Protein backbone atom coordinates (compact mmCIF):
# COMPACT_ATOMS: atom_id res chain seq x y z
CA MET A 1 13.46 -11.18 -43.74
CA SER A 2 13.94 -8.61 -46.79
CA ASP A 3 13.78 -10.52 -50.27
CA TYR A 4 16.39 -7.95 -51.40
CA LYS A 5 18.35 -9.41 -49.37
CA ILE A 6 17.35 -12.71 -49.51
CA GLU A 7 19.00 -12.55 -53.19
CA MET A 8 21.79 -10.58 -52.87
CA GLY A 9 22.42 -13.50 -50.27
CA LYS A 10 22.17 -15.49 -53.27
CA ARG A 11 24.19 -14.00 -55.76
CA LEU A 12 26.53 -13.42 -52.94
CA LYS A 13 27.20 -16.83 -52.66
CA GLU A 14 27.62 -17.50 -56.49
CA LYS A 15 30.42 -15.07 -56.91
CA ARG A 16 31.71 -16.35 -54.02
CA LYS A 17 31.75 -19.88 -55.28
CA THR A 18 32.69 -18.53 -58.73
CA LEU A 19 36.12 -17.01 -57.66
CA GLY A 20 36.78 -19.80 -55.76
CA LEU A 21 36.63 -18.04 -52.48
CA THR A 22 34.50 -19.39 -48.63
CA GLN A 23 32.61 -17.94 -46.16
CA GLU A 24 35.45 -17.85 -43.75
CA GLN A 25 37.64 -15.93 -46.39
CA LEU A 26 35.24 -13.57 -46.98
CA ALA A 27 34.09 -13.09 -43.31
CA GLU A 28 37.97 -12.19 -42.31
CA LYS A 29 38.36 -9.96 -45.06
CA LEU A 30 35.63 -7.72 -44.37
CA ASN A 31 36.60 -8.66 -40.32
CA ILE A 32 32.74 -10.13 -39.43
CA SER A 33 32.21 -12.95 -38.08
CA ILE A 34 32.05 -16.59 -40.17
CA LYS A 35 27.94 -16.43 -38.97
CA HIS A 36 27.77 -13.66 -39.41
CA TYR A 37 28.73 -13.66 -43.07
CA GLY A 38 26.52 -16.90 -43.45
CA GLY A 39 23.99 -14.97 -41.90
CA VAL A 40 23.87 -12.44 -44.80
CA GLU A 41 24.26 -14.85 -48.07
CA ARG A 42 21.07 -16.68 -46.02
CA GLY A 43 19.43 -13.53 -46.29
CA ILE A 44 18.98 -12.97 -42.58
CA ALA A 45 21.49 -9.92 -41.63
CA GLY A 46 23.00 -6.84 -43.49
CA LEU A 47 26.28 -5.45 -44.22
CA SER A 48 27.58 -1.81 -43.31
CA ILE A 49 27.87 0.46 -46.64
CA GLU A 50 31.70 0.25 -45.85
CA ASN A 51 31.47 -4.02 -46.03
CA LEU A 52 29.18 -3.93 -48.69
CA ILE A 53 31.56 -1.69 -51.17
CA GLU A 54 34.71 -3.42 -49.86
CA LEU A 55 32.70 -6.29 -50.74
CA SER A 56 32.15 -5.26 -53.89
CA ASN A 57 35.59 -4.83 -54.49
CA ILE A 58 36.53 -7.93 -53.83
CA LEU A 59 34.10 -10.13 -56.13
CA GLY A 60 34.97 -7.57 -58.88
CA VAL A 61 30.91 -6.38 -59.03
CA SER A 62 29.03 -3.40 -58.82
CA LEU A 63 26.97 -2.35 -55.12
CA ASP A 64 24.18 -2.02 -58.04
CA TYR A 65 24.36 -5.53 -58.53
CA LEU A 66 25.09 -6.52 -55.56
CA ILE A 67 22.17 -4.90 -53.62
CA LYS A 68 19.95 -4.98 -57.30
CA GLY A 69 20.71 -8.25 -59.07
CA GLY A 70 21.00 -6.52 -62.80
CA CYS A 71 24.12 -7.30 -65.07
CA PRO A 72 27.20 -8.19 -63.67
CA GLU A 73 30.80 -6.83 -64.17
CA ASN A 74 31.78 -10.20 -66.25
CA ASP A 75 29.99 -9.07 -69.19
CA LEU A 76 32.05 -5.27 -69.21
CA LEU A 77 35.48 -7.03 -68.23
CA PRO A 78 37.46 -10.10 -69.73
CA GLU A 79 36.82 -12.79 -67.29
CA ARG A 80 40.13 -13.74 -67.14
CA ILE A 81 41.41 -10.30 -66.83
CA ARG A 82 39.05 -10.29 -63.81
CA GLU A 83 40.07 -13.43 -61.77
CA LEU A 84 43.85 -12.40 -62.18
CA TYR A 85 43.51 -9.00 -61.09
CA LEU A 86 41.54 -10.67 -58.58
CA THR A 87 43.48 -13.03 -57.33
CA CYS A 88 46.49 -10.30 -56.74
CA PRO A 89 46.71 -8.90 -53.13
CA ILE A 90 45.18 -6.24 -52.85
CA SER A 91 48.85 -4.22 -52.19
CA LYS A 92 49.53 -5.11 -55.93
CA ARG A 93 46.55 -4.31 -57.55
CA GLN A 94 47.64 -0.60 -58.05
CA PHE A 95 50.63 -2.26 -59.48
CA PHE A 96 48.86 -4.06 -61.82
CA LEU A 97 46.43 -1.98 -63.38
CA GLU A 98 49.54 0.15 -64.35
CA CYS A 99 51.35 -2.41 -65.84
CA LEU A 100 48.15 -3.04 -68.31
CA GLU A 101 48.12 0.65 -68.88
CA ASN A 102 51.18 0.84 -69.83
CA MET A 103 50.95 -2.55 -71.91
CA SER A 104 48.03 -0.20 -73.84
CA LYS A 105 49.90 2.07 -74.85
CA PHE A 106 50.98 -0.91 -77.54
CA TRP A 107 48.39 -0.99 -79.42
CA ILE A 108 46.35 2.03 -79.02
CA LEU A 109 47.32 4.99 -81.45
CA PRO A 110 48.20 8.57 -80.94
């Protein structure tokens, strides 16, 4: 087992629990087995680049944070906006962002 896999697994578990997601939900979103996802959180299995990218999007963290640790995006984005975005259906996320951009026009001076 590689140390980076163990540490990444700990970060995944922490973020998953923070967002109130189950291993089953994440495994389903990634189209992998629950057993495989559980192995990822324990540091004994890995993920493809595609699944790492998808997982970073689902959890709202950077690939850098997932793989190496460091500063999570919580410091960059207010937690409530992040929660709203992440609980928004993926098909509606672009609309959510457009709404935020339109609202910003009210407080950004030309």
